[in-house]
Amino acid sequence: SVYSFEPSQREFNRLLDNIALNQISNIKALKLALSDFDGTATLKVAN
């Protein structure tokens, strides 16, 4: 199994596209960030 953590919507969409392109079934994509607390945060999205 592969667990992929990516919080940015832009990069997450591209991650999903690449998973679909290769018809991969053993990757679970999770749109979130890892830290030392549970909750929400503000992500600065680069140009």
All heavy atoms as atom14 arrays in JSON, in Angstrom:
{
  "sequence": "SVYSFEPSQREFNRLLDNIALNQISNIKALKLALSDFDGTATLKVAN",
  "atom14_mask": [
    [1, 1, 1, 1, 1, 1, 0, 0, 0, 0, 0, 0, 0, 0],
    [1, 1, 1, 1, 1, 1, 1, 0, 0, 0, 0, 0, 0, 0],
    [1, 1, 1, 1, 1, 1, 1, 1, 1, 1, 1, 1, 0, 0],
    [1, 1, 1, 1, 1, 1, 0, 0, 0, 0, 0, 0, 0, 0],
    [1, 1, 1, 1, 1, 1, 1, 1, 1, 1, 1, 0, 0, 0],
    [1, 1, 1, 1, 1, 1, 1, 1, 1, 0, 0, 0, 0, 0],
    [1, 1, 1, 1, 1, 1, 1, 0, 0, 0, 0, 0, 0, 0],
    [1, 1, 1, 1, 1, 1, 0, 0, 0, 0, 0, 0, 0, 0],
    [1, 1, 1, 1, 1, 1, 1, 1, 1, 0, 0, 0, 0, 0],
    [1, 1, 1, 1, 1, 1, 1, 1, 1, 1, 1, 0, 0, 0],
    [1, 1, 1, 1, 1, 1, 1, 1, 1, 0, 0, 0, 0, 0],
    [1, 1, 1, 1, 1, 1, 1, 1, 1, 1, 1, 0, 0, 0],
    [1, 1, 1, 1, 1, 1, 1, 1, 0, 0, 0, 0, 0, 0],
    [1, 1, 1, 1, 1, 1, 1, 1, 1, 1, 1, 0, 0, 0],
    [1, 1, 1, 1, 1, 1, 1, 1, 0, 0, 0, 0, 0, 0],
    [1, 1, 1, 1, 1, 1, 1, 1, 0, 0, 0, 0, 0, 0],
    [1, 1, 1, 1, 1, 1, 1, 1, 0, 0, 0, 0, 0, 0],
    [1, 1, 1, 1, 1, 1, 1, 1, 0, 0, 0, 0, 0, 0],
    [1, 1, 1, 1, 1, 1, 1, 1, 0, 0, 0, 0, 0, 0],
    [1, 1, 1, 1, 1, 0, 0, 0, 0, 0, 0, 0, 0, 0],
    [1, 1, 1, 1, 1, 1, 1, 1, 0, 0, 0, 0, 0, 0],
    [1, 1, 1, 1, 1, 1, 1, 1, 0, 0, 0, 0, 0, 0],
    [1, 1, 1, 1, 1, 1, 1, 1, 1, 0, 0, 0, 0, 0],
    [1, 1, 1, 1, 1, 1, 1, 1, 0, 0, 0, 0, 0, 0],
    [1, 1, 1, 1, 1, 1, 0, 0, 0, 0, 0, 0, 0, 0],
    [1, 1, 1, 1, 1, 1, 1, 1, 0, 0, 0, 0, 0, 0],
    [1, 1, 1, 1, 1, 1, 1, 1, 0, 0, 0, 0, 0, 0],
    [1, 1, 1, 1, 1, 1, 1, 1, 1, 0, 0, 0, 0, 0],
    [1, 1, 1, 1, 1, 0, 0, 0, 0, 0, 0, 0, 0, 0],
    [1, 1, 1, 1, 1, 1, 1, 1, 0, 0, 0, 0, 0, 0],
    [1, 1, 1, 1, 1, 1, 1, 1, 1, 0, 0, 0, 0, 0],
    [1, 1, 1, 1, 1, 1, 1, 1, 0, 0, 0, 0, 0, 0],
    [1, 1, 1, 1, 1, 0, 0, 0, 0, 0, 0, 0, 0, 0],
    [1, 1, 1, 1, 1, 1, 1, 1, 0, 0, 0, 0, 0, 0],
    [1, 1, 1, 1, 1, 1, 0, 0, 0, 0, 0, 0, 0, 0],
    [1, 1, 1, 1, 1, 1, 1, 1, 0, 0, 0, 0, 0, 0],
    [1, 1, 1, 1, 1, 1, 1, 1, 1, 1, 1, 0, 0, 0],
    [1, 1, 1, 1, 1, 1, 1, 1, 0, 0, 0, 0, 0, 0],
    [1, 1, 1, 1, 0, 0, 0, 0, 0, 0, 0, 0, 0, 0],
    [1, 1, 1, 1, 1, 1, 1, 0, 0, 0, 0, 0, 0, 0],
    [1, 1, 1, 1, 1, 0, 0, 0, 0, 0, 0, 0, 0, 0],
    [1, 1, 1, 1, 1, 1, 1, 0, 0, 0, 0, 0, 0, 0],
    [1, 1, 1, 1, 1, 1, 1, 1, 0, 0, 0, 0, 0, 0],
    [1, 1, 1, 1, 1, 1, 1, 1, 1, 0, 0, 0, 0, 0],
    [1, 1, 1, 1, 1, 1, 1, 0, 0, 0, 0, 0, 0, 0],
    [1, 1, 1, 1, 1, 0, 0, 0, 0, 0, 0, 0, 0, 0],
    [1, 1, 1, 1, 1, 1, 1, 1, 0, 0, 0, 0, 0, 0]
  ],
  "atom14_positions": [
    [[0.84, -1.21, 0.0], [0.0, 0.0, 0.0], [0.87, 1.25, 0.0], [1.95, 1.26, 0.59], [-0.9, 0.03, 1.24], [-1.78, -1.07, 1.27], [0.0, 0.0, 0.0], [0.0, 0.0, 0.0], [0.0, 0.0, 0.0], [0.0, 0.0, 0.0], [0.0, 0.0, 0.0], [0.0, 0.0, 0.0], [0.0, 0.0, 0.0], [0.0, 0.0, 0.0]],
    [[0.35, 2.28, -0.67], [0.97, 3.61, -0.65], [-0.09, 4.61, -0.18], [-1.19, 4.64, -0.73], [1.51, 4.01, -2.04], [2.06, 5.44, -2.01], [2.59, 3.04, -2.51], [0.0, 0.0, 0.0], [0.0, 0.0, 0.0], [0.0, 0.0, 0.0], [0.0, 0.0, 0.0], [0.0, 0.0, 0.0], [0.0, 0.0, 0.0], [0.0, 0.0, 0.0]],
    [[0.26, 5.4, 0.82], [-0.61, 6.47, 1.29], [0.04, 7.8, 0.93], [1.16, 8.09, 1.36], [-0.83, 6.38, 2.81], [-1.64, 5.17, 3.23], [-1.03, 3.95, 3.44], [-3.02, 5.27, 3.4], [-1.78, 2.83, 3.81], [-3.78, 4.16, 3.78], [-3.15, 2.95, 3.97], [-3.9, 1.84, 4.33], [0.0, 0.0, 0.0], [0.0, 0.0, 0.0]],
    [[-0.66, 8.59, 0.1], [-0.11, 9.84, -0.41], [-0.82, 11.02, 0.24], [-2.04, 11.17, 0.1], [-0.28, 9.91, -1.93], [0.32, 8.8, -2.55], [0.0, 0.0, 0.0], [0.0, 0.0, 0.0], [0.0, 0.0, 0.0], [0.0, 0.0, 0.0], [0.0, 0.0, 0.0], [0.0, 0.0, 0.0], [0.0, 0.0, 0.0], [0.0, 0.0, 0.0]],
    [[-0.07, 11.86, 0.94], [-0.62, 13.01, 1.65], [-0.26, 14.29, 0.89], [0.93, 14.6, 0.74], [-0.07, 13.08, 3.07], [-0.37, 11.87, 3.9], [0.48, 10.77, 3.9], [-1.52, 11.8, 4.68], [0.21, 9.65, 4.66], [-1.81, 10.68, 5.45], [-0.94, 9.6, 5.43], [0.0, 0.0, 0.0], [0.0, 0.0, 0.0], [0.0, 0.0, 0.0]],
    [[-1.27, 15.01, 0.42], [-1.03, 16.25, -0.31], [-2.19, 17.22, -0.05], [-3.31, 16.98, -0.46], [-0.91, 15.98, -1.81], [-0.74, 17.22, -2.67], [0.38, 18.12, -2.17], [1.52, 17.63, -2.05], [0.09, 19.3, -1.86], [0.0, 0.0, 0.0], [0.0, 0.0, 0.0], [0.0, 0.0, 0.0], [0.0, 0.0, 0.0], [0.0, 0.0, 0.0]],
    [[-1.93, 18.34, 0.67], [-3.02, 19.24, 1.04], [-3.44, 20.25, -0.03], [-4.57, 20.71, -0.04], [-2.45, 19.98, 2.26], [-0.97, 19.96, 2.04], [-0.67, 18.67, 1.33], [0.0, 0.0, 0.0], [0.0, 0.0, 0.0], [0.0, 0.0, 0.0], [0.0, 0.0, 0.0], [0.0, 0.0, 0.0], [0.0, 0.0, 0.0], [0.0, 0.0, 0.0]],
    [[-2.52, 20.61, -0.94], [-2.84, 21.63, -1.95], [-3.8, 21.08, -3.0], [-3.57, 20.01, -3.55], [-1.55, 22.1, -2.63], [-1.83, 22.76, -3.84], [0.0, 0.0, 0.0], [0.0, 0.0, 0.0], [0.0, 0.0, 0.0], [0.0, 0.0, 0.0], [0.0, 0.0, 0.0], [0.0, 0.0, 0.0], [0.0, 0.0, 0.0], [0.0, 0.0, 0.0]],
    [[-4.86, 21.83, -3.31], [-5.84, 21.36, -4.29], [-5.22, 21.2, -5.66], [-5.51, 20.23, -6.38], [-7.01, 22.35, -4.37], [-8.17, 21.87, -5.23], [-8.85, 20.65, -4.64], [-9.36, 20.68, -3.51], [-8.86, 19.55, -5.36], [0.0, 0.0, 0.0], [0.0, 0.0, 0.0], [0.0, 0.0, 0.0], [0.0, 0.0, 0.0], [0.0, 0.0, 0.0]],
    [[-4.35, 22.13, -6.06], [-3.71, 22.05, -7.38], [-2.88, 20.78, -7.5], [-3.03, 20.01, -8.46], [-2.82, 23.28, -7.6], [-2.03, 23.27, -8.91], [-1.1, 24.48, -8.98], [-0.14, 24.51, -7.89], [0.6, 25.57, -7.55], [0.45, 26.7, -8.23], [1.45, 25.52, -6.56], [0.0, 0.0, 0.0], [0.0, 0.0, 0.0], [0.0, 0.0, 0.0]],
    [[-1.99, 20.55, -6.53], [-1.14, 19.36, -6.58], [-1.95, 18.08, -6.37], [-1.64, 17.03, -6.96], [-0.02, 19.47, -5.54], [1.18, 20.26, -5.98], [0.9, 21.75, -6.13], [0.11, 22.29, -5.33], [1.46, 22.37, -7.04], [0.0, 0.0, 0.0], [0.0, 0.0, 0.0], [0.0, 0.0, 0.0], [0.0, 0.0, 0.0], [0.0, 0.0, 0.0]],
    [[-2.98, 18.15, -5.54], [-3.8, 16.96, -5.29], [-4.51, 16.51, -6.57], [-4.57, 15.32, -6.87], [-4.82, 17.24, -4.19], [-5.59, 16.04, -3.73], [-4.98, 15.07, -2.94], [-6.92, 15.85, -4.1], [-5.69, 13.94, -2.51], [-7.62, 14.74, -3.69], [-7.01, 13.78, -2.88], [0.0, 0.0, 0.0], [0.0, 0.0, 0.0], [0.0, 0.0, 0.0]],
    [[-5.03, 17.48, -7.34], [-5.67, 17.14, -8.61], [-4.67, 16.49, -9.57], [-5.01, 15.53, -10.28], [-6.26, 18.39, -9.26], [-7.48, 18.92, -8.52], [-8.1, 18.2, -7.74], [-7.81, 20.18, -8.74], [0.0, 0.0, 0.0], [0.0, 0.0, 0.0], [0.0, 0.0, 0.0], [0.0, 0.0, 0.0], [0.0, 0.0, 0.0], [0.0, 0.0, 0.0]],
    [[-3.46, 16.99, -9.6], [-2.43, 16.41, -10.47], [-2.04, 15.01, -9.99], [-1.77, 14.13, -10.81], [-1.22, 17.34, -10.52], [-1.53, 18.67, -11.19], [-0.34, 19.62, -11.19], [-0.69, 20.89, -11.84], [0.14, 21.91, -12.03], [1.39, 21.8, -11.61], [-0.26, 23.02, -12.62], [0.0, 0.0, 0.0], [0.0, 0.0, 0.0], [0.0, 0.0, 0.0]],
    [[-1.99, 14.84, -8.69], [-1.72, 13.52, -8.13], [-2.79, 12.52, -8.58], [-2.47, 11.41, -9.03], [-1.69, 13.61, -6.6], [-1.66, 12.3, -5.82], [-0.38, 11.53, -6.09], [-1.82, 12.58, -4.32], [0.0, 0.0, 0.0], [0.0, 0.0, 0.0], [0.0, 0.0, 0.0], [0.0, 0.0, 0.0], [0.0, 0.0, 0.0], [0.0, 0.0, 0.0]],
    [[-4.05, 12.91, -8.48], [-5.14, 12.03, -8.9], [-5.06, 11.71, -10.39], [-5.31, 10.58, -10.82], [-6.49, 12.66, -8.57], [-6.83, 12.85, -7.08], [-8.2, 13.5, -6.94], [-6.79, 11.52, -6.33], [0.0, 0.0, 0.0], [0.0, 0.0, 0.0], [0.0, 0.0, 0.0], [0.0, 0.0, 0.0], [0.0, 0.0, 0.0], [0.0, 0.0, 0.0]],
    [[-4.71, 12.73, -11.2], [-4.58, 12.52, -12.65], [-3.49, 11.49, -12.95], [-3.65, 10.63, -13.83], [-4.25, 13.83, -13.35], [-5.45, 14.75, -13.46], [-6.58, 14.29, -13.24], [-5.25, 15.95, -13.77], [0.0, 0.0, 0.0], [0.0, 0.0, 0.0], [0.0, 0.0, 0.0], [0.0, 0.0, 0.0], [0.0, 0.0, 0.0], [0.0, 0.0, 0.0]],
    [[-2.37, 11.56, -12.22], [-1.28, 10.63, -12.47], [-1.6, 9.22, -12.0], [-1.18, 8.24, -12.61], [0.0, 11.15, -11.81], [0.63, 12.28, -12.58], [0.67, 12.26, -13.81], [1.11, 13.3, -11.88], [0.0, 0.0, 0.0], [0.0, 0.0, 0.0], [0.0, 0.0, 0.0], [0.0, 0.0, 0.0], [0.0, 0.0, 0.0], [0.0, 0.0, 0.0]],
    [[-2.36, 9.13, -10.93], [-2.81, 7.8, -10.48], [-3.73, 7.18, -11.52], [-3.6, 6.01, -11.87], [-3.52, 7.91, -9.11], [-2.52, 8.34, -8.02], [-4.18, 6.58, -8.73], [-3.17, 8.65, -6.68], [0.0, 0.0, 0.0], [0.0, 0.0, 0.0], [0.0, 0.0, 0.0], [0.0, 0.0, 0.0], [0.0, 0.0, 0.0], [0.0, 0.0, 0.0]],
    [[-4.67, 8.0, -12.04], [-5.61, 7.5, -13.05], [-4.88, 7.18, -14.35], [-5.22, 6.19, -15.02], [-6.7, 8.55, -13.3], [0.0, 0.0, 0.0], [0.0, 0.0, 0.0], [0.0, 0.0, 0.0], [0.0, 0.0, 0.0], [0.0, 0.0, 0.0], [0.0, 0.0, 0.0], [0.0, 0.0, 0.0], [0.0, 0.0, 0.0], [0.0, 0.0, 0.0]],
    [[-3.9, 7.99, -14.73], [-3.14, 7.75, -15.97], [-2.51, 6.37, -15.97], [-2.47, 5.69, -17.0], [-2.06, 8.82, -16.12], [-1.06, 8.66, -17.27], [-1.79, 8.77, -18.62], [0.05, 9.7, -17.19], [0.0, 0.0, 0.0], [0.0, 0.0, 0.0], [0.0, 0.0, 0.0], [0.0, 0.0, 0.0], [0.0, 0.0, 0.0], [0.0, 0.0, 0.0]],
    [[-2.04, 5.93, -14.81], [-1.37, 4.64, -14.71], [-2.28, 3.51, -14.22], [-1.82, 2.39, -14.04], [-0.16, 4.76, -13.77], [0.92, 5.66, -14.35], [1.71, 5.23, -15.18], [0.95, 6.92, -13.92], [0.0, 0.0, 0.0], [0.0, 0.0, 0.0], [0.0, 0.0, 0.0], [0.0, 0.0, 0.0], [0.0, 0.0, 0.0], [0.0, 0.0, 0.0]],
    [[-3.56, 3.86, -13.99], [-4.55, 2.86, -13.55], [-4.04, 2.1, -12.33], [-4.08, 0.86, -12.27], [-4.9, 1.91, -14.69], [-5.5, 2.6, -15.89], [-5.87, 1.66, -17.01], [-5.33, 0.56, -17.14], [-6.79, 2.08, -17.86], [0.0, 0.0, 0.0], [0.0, 0.0, 0.0], [0.0, 0.0, 0.0], [0.0, 0.0, 0.0], [0.0, 0.0, 0.0]],
    [[-3.59, 2.87, -11.33], [-3.02, 2.29, -10.11], [-4.11, 2.14, -9.06], [-4.91, 3.06, -8.84], [-1.87, 3.18, -9.59], [-0.7, 3.13, -10.57], [-1.43, 2.74, -8.21], [0.41, 4.08, -10.23], [0.0, 0.0, 0.0], [0.0, 0.0, 0.0], [0.0, 0.0, 0.0], [0.0, 0.0, 0.0], [0.0, 0.0, 0.0], [0.0, 0.0, 0.0]],
    [[-4.13, 1.0, -8.4], [-5.16, 0.74, -7.38], [-4.61, 0.64, -5.97], [-5.39, 0.54, -5.01], [-5.91, -0.55, -7.72], [-5.01, -1.65, -7.77], [0.0, 0.0, 0.0], [0.0, 0.0, 0.0], [0.0, 0.0, 0.0], [0.0, 0.0, 0.0], [0.0, 0.0, 0.0], [0.0, 0.0, 0.0], [0.0, 0.0, 0.0], [0.0, 0.0, 0.0]],
    [[-3.27, 0.66, -5.8], [-2.73, 0.47, -4.45], [-2.26, 1.79, -3.82], [-1.52, 1.78, -2.84], [-1.57, -0.53, -4.46], [-0.4, -0.09, -5.32], [-0.48, 0.91, -6.02], [0.69, -0.85, -5.28], [0.0, 0.0, 0.0], [0.0, 0.0, 0.0], [0.0, 0.0, 0.0], [0.0, 0.0, 0.0], [0.0, 0.0, 0.0], [0.0, 0.0, 0.0]],
    [[-2.68, 2.94, -4.4], [-2.38, 4.24, -3.8], [-3.67, 4.84, -3.23], [-4.68, 4.93, -3.93], [-1.79, 5.22, -4.83], [-0.43, 4.74, -5.34], [-1.62, 6.61, -4.21], [0.2, 5.65, -6.38], [0.0, 0.0, 0.0], [0.0, 0.0, 0.0], [0.0, 0.0, 0.0], [0.0, 0.0, 0.0], [0.0, 0.0, 0.0], [0.0, 0.0, 0.0]],
    [[-3.61, 5.24, -1.98], [-4.73, 5.96, -1.36], [-4.31, 7.42, -1.19], [-3.38, 7.71, -0.42], [-5.11, 5.35, -0.01], [-6.32, 6.02, 0.63], [-6.74, 5.32, 1.9], [-7.96, 5.99, 2.54], [-9.15, 5.97, 1.68], [0.0, 0.0, 0.0], [0.0, 0.0, 0.0], [0.0, 0.0, 0.0], [0.0, 0.0, 0.0], [0.0, 0.0, 0.0]],
    [[-4.95, 8.33, -1.92], [-4.6, 9.75, -1.87], [-5.43, 10.43, -0.8], [-6.66, 10.29, -0.75], [-4.84, 10.4, -3.23], [0.0, 0.0, 0.0], [0.0, 0.0, 0.0], [0.0, 0.0, 0.0], [0.0, 0.0, 0.0], [0.0, 0.0, 0.0], [0.0, 0.0, 0.0], [0.0, 0.0, 0.0], [0.0, 0.0, 0.0], [0.0, 0.0, 0.0]],
    [[-4.77, 11.2, 0.07], [-5.42, 11.88, 1.18], [-5.12, 13.38, 1.1], [-3.94, 13.78, 1.16], [-4.94, 11.32, 2.52], [-5.19, 9.82, 2.72], [-4.3, 9.26, 3.79], [-6.66, 9.6, 3.07], [0.0, 0.0, 0.0], [0.0, 0.0, 0.0], [0.0, 0.0, 0.0], [0.0, 0.0, 0.0], [0.0, 0.0, 0.0], [0.0, 0.0, 0.0]],
    [[-6.15, 14.19, 0.98], [-5.97, 15.64, 0.86], [-5.89, 16.27, 2.25], [-6.86, 16.84, 2.77], [-7.11, 16.26, 0.05], [-6.87, 17.72, -0.29], [-8.01, 18.31, -1.09], [-7.76, 19.78, -1.37], [-7.58, 20.58, -0.13], [0.0, 0.0, 0.0], [0.0, 0.0, 0.0], [0.0, 0.0, 0.0], [0.0, 0.0, 0.0], [0.0, 0.0, 0.0]],
    [[-4.74, 16.16, 2.85], [-4.51, 16.74, 4.17], [-3.02, 16.83, 4.44], [-2.21, 16.25, 3.72], [-5.22, 15.94, 5.25], [-4.96, 14.43, 5.34], [-3.72, 14.12, 6.17], [-6.17, 13.73, 5.97], [0.0, 0.0, 0.0], [0.0, 0.0, 0.0], [0.0, 0.0, 0.0], [0.0, 0.0, 0.0], [0.0, 0.0, 0.0], [0.0, 0.0, 0.0]],
    [[-2.68, 17.56, 5.51], [-1.29, 17.7, 5.93], [-1.08, 16.99, 7.25], [-2.03, 16.83, 8.05], [-0.93, 19.17, 6.06], [0.0, 0.0, 0.0], [0.0, 0.0, 0.0], [0.0, 0.0, 0.0], [0.0, 0.0, 0.0], [0.0, 0.0, 0.0], [0.0, 0.0, 0.0], [0.0, 0.0, 0.0], [0.0, 0.0, 0.0], [0.0, 0.0, 0.0]],
    [[0.13, 16.55, 7.51], [0.47, 15.92, 8.78], [1.16, 16.93, 9.68], [2.01, 17.71, 9.24], [1.38, 14.71, 8.56], [0.79, 13.52, 7.8], [1.77, 12.35, 7.8], [-0.55, 13.1, 8.37], [0.0, 0.0, 0.0], [0.0, 0.0, 0.0], [0.0, 0.0, 0.0], [0.0, 0.0, 0.0], [0.0, 0.0, 0.0], [0.0, 0.0, 0.0]],
    [[0.79, 16.9, 10.98], [1.41, 17.78, 11.95], [1.29, 17.14, 13.33], [1.06, 15.93, 13.44], [0.73, 19.16, 11.92], [1.46, 20.09, 12.69], [0.0, 0.0, 0.0], [0.0, 0.0, 0.0], [0.0, 0.0, 0.0], [0.0, 0.0, 0.0], [0.0, 0.0, 0.0], [0.0, 0.0, 0.0], [0.0, 0.0, 0.0], [0.0, 0.0, 0.0]],
    [[1.43, 17.95, 14.39], [1.35, 17.43, 15.75], [0.02, 17.76, 16.41], [-0.11, 17.74, 17.63], [2.51, 17.97, 16.59], [2.59, 19.5, 16.59], [1.79, 20.13, 15.86], [3.43, 20.06, 17.3], [0.0, 0.0, 0.0], [0.0, 0.0, 0.0], [0.0, 0.0, 0.0], [0.0, 0.0, 0.0], [0.0, 0.0, 0.0], [0.0, 0.0, 0.0]],
    [[-0.99, 18.11, 15.61], [-2.33, 18.37, 16.13], [-3.37, 18.03, 15.07], [-3.05, 17.91, 13.88], [-2.47, 19.83, 16.56], [-2.49, 20.81, 15.41], [-3.69, 21.29, 14.89], [-1.29, 21.24, 14.84], [-3.7, 22.19, 13.82], [-1.3, 22.14, 13.77], [-2.5, 22.61, 13.27], [0.0, 0.0, 0.0], [0.0, 0.0, 0.0], [0.0, 0.0, 0.0]],
    [[-4.6, 17.84, 15.49], [-5.72, 17.63, 14.58], [-6.52, 18.92, 14.48], [-6.86, 19.52, 15.51], [-6.63, 16.51, 15.09], [-5.98, 15.14, 14.99], [-4.91, 15.05, 14.37], [-6.52, 14.17, 15.56], [0.0, 0.0, 0.0], [0.0, 0.0, 0.0], [0.0, 0.0, 0.0], [0.0, 0.0, 0.0], [0.0, 0.0, 0.0], [0.0, 0.0, 0.0]],
    [[-6.81, 19.34, 13.28], [-7.57, 20.57, 13.12], [-7.44, 21.13, 11.73], [-7.45, 20.39, 10.74], [0.0, 0.0, 0.0], [0.0, 0.0, 0.0], [0.0, 0.0, 0.0], [0.0, 0.0, 0.0], [0.0, 0.0, 0.0], [0.0, 0.0, 0.0], [0.0, 0.0, 0.0], [0.0, 0.0, 0.0], [0.0, 0.0, 0.0], [0.0, 0.0, 0.0]],
    [[-7.3, 22.46, 11.62], [-7.16, 23.11, 10.31], [-5.98, 24.07, 10.36], [-5.53, 24.48, 11.44], [-8.43, 23.89, 9.92], [-8.69, 24.89, 10.92], [-9.63, 22.95, 9.79], [0.0, 0.0, 0.0], [0.0, 0.0, 0.0], [0.0, 0.0, 0.0], [0.0, 0.0, 0.0], [0.0, 0.0, 0.0], [0.0, 0.0, 0.0], [0.0, 0.0, 0.0]],
    [[-5.49, 24.43, 9.19], [-4.39, 25.38, 9.08], [-4.52, 26.1, 7.75], [-5.37, 25.75, 6.92], [-3.04, 24.66, 9.19], [0.0, 0.0, 0.0], [0.0, 0.0, 0.0], [0.0, 0.0, 0.0], [0.0, 0.0, 0.0], [0.0, 0.0, 0.0], [0.0, 0.0, 0.0], [0.0, 0.0, 0.0], [0.0, 0.0, 0.0], [0.0, 0.0, 0.0]],
    [[-3.69, 27.12, 7.55], [-3.71, 27.88, 6.3], [-2.44, 27.57, 5.51], [-1.33, 27.75, 6.01], [-3.78, 29.39, 6.58], [-4.99, 29.67, 7.29], [-3.78, 30.16, 5.27], [0.0, 0.0, 0.0], [0.0, 0.0, 0.0], [0.0, 0.0, 0.0], [0.0, 0.0, 0.0], [0.0, 0.0, 0.0], [0.0, 0.0, 0.0], [0.0, 0.0, 0.0]],
    [[-2.64, 27.08, 4.3], [-1.53, 26.72, 3.43], [-1.26, 27.84, 2.43], [-2.17, 28.32, 1.76], [-1.85, 25.42, 2.67], [-0.75, 24.89, 1.73], [0.39, 24.31, 2.55], [-1.32, 23.85, 0.78], [0.0, 0.0, 0.0], [0.0, 0.0, 0.0], [0.0, 0.0, 0.0], [0.0, 0.0, 0.0], [0.0, 0.0, 0.0], [0.0, 0.0, 0.0]],
    [[0.0, 28.25, 2.33], [0.4, 29.23, 1.32], [0.78, 28.47, 0.05], [1.74, 27.69, 0.05], [1.58, 30.06, 1.81], [1.23, 30.95, 2.99], [2.43, 31.77, 3.44], [2.08, 32.68, 4.6], [3.26, 33.45, 5.07], [0.0, 0.0, 0.0], [0.0, 0.0, 0.0], [0.0, 0.0, 0.0], [0.0, 0.0, 0.0], [0.0, 0.0, 0.0]],
    [[0.02, 28.7, -1.02], [0.23, 27.99, -2.28], [1.21, 28.8, -3.14], [0.97, 29.97, -3.42], [-1.1, 27.78, -3.03], [-0.86, 27.04, -4.34], [-2.07, 27.01, -2.14], [0.0, 0.0, 0.0], [0.0, 0.0, 0.0], [0.0, 0.0, 0.0], [0.0, 0.0, 0.0], [0.0, 0.0, 0.0], [0.0, 0.0, 0.0], [0.0, 0.0, 0.0]],
    [[2.3, 28.16, -3.54], [3.34, 28.85, -4.31], [2.89, 29.1, -5.74], [2.01, 28.42, -6.27], [4.62, 28.02, -4.3], [0.0, 0.0, 0.0], [0.0, 0.0, 0.0], [0.0, 0.0, 0.0], [0.0, 0.0, 0.0], [0.0, 0.0, 0.0], [0.0, 0.0, 0.0], [0.0, 0.0, 0.0], [0.0, 0.0, 0.0], [0.0, 0.0, 0.0]],
    [[3.53, 30.09, -6.39], [3.25, 30.39, -7.78], [3.58, 29.19, -8.67], [4.34, 28.29, -8.28], [4.02, 31.62, -8.23], [5.52, 31.53, -7.94], [5.93, 31.21, -6.84], [6.34, 31.82, -8.94], [0.0, 0.0, 0.0], [0.0, 0.0, 0.0], [0.0, 0.0, 0.0], [0.0, 0.0, 0.0], [0.0, 0.0, 0.0], [0.0, 0.0, 0.0]]
  ]
}
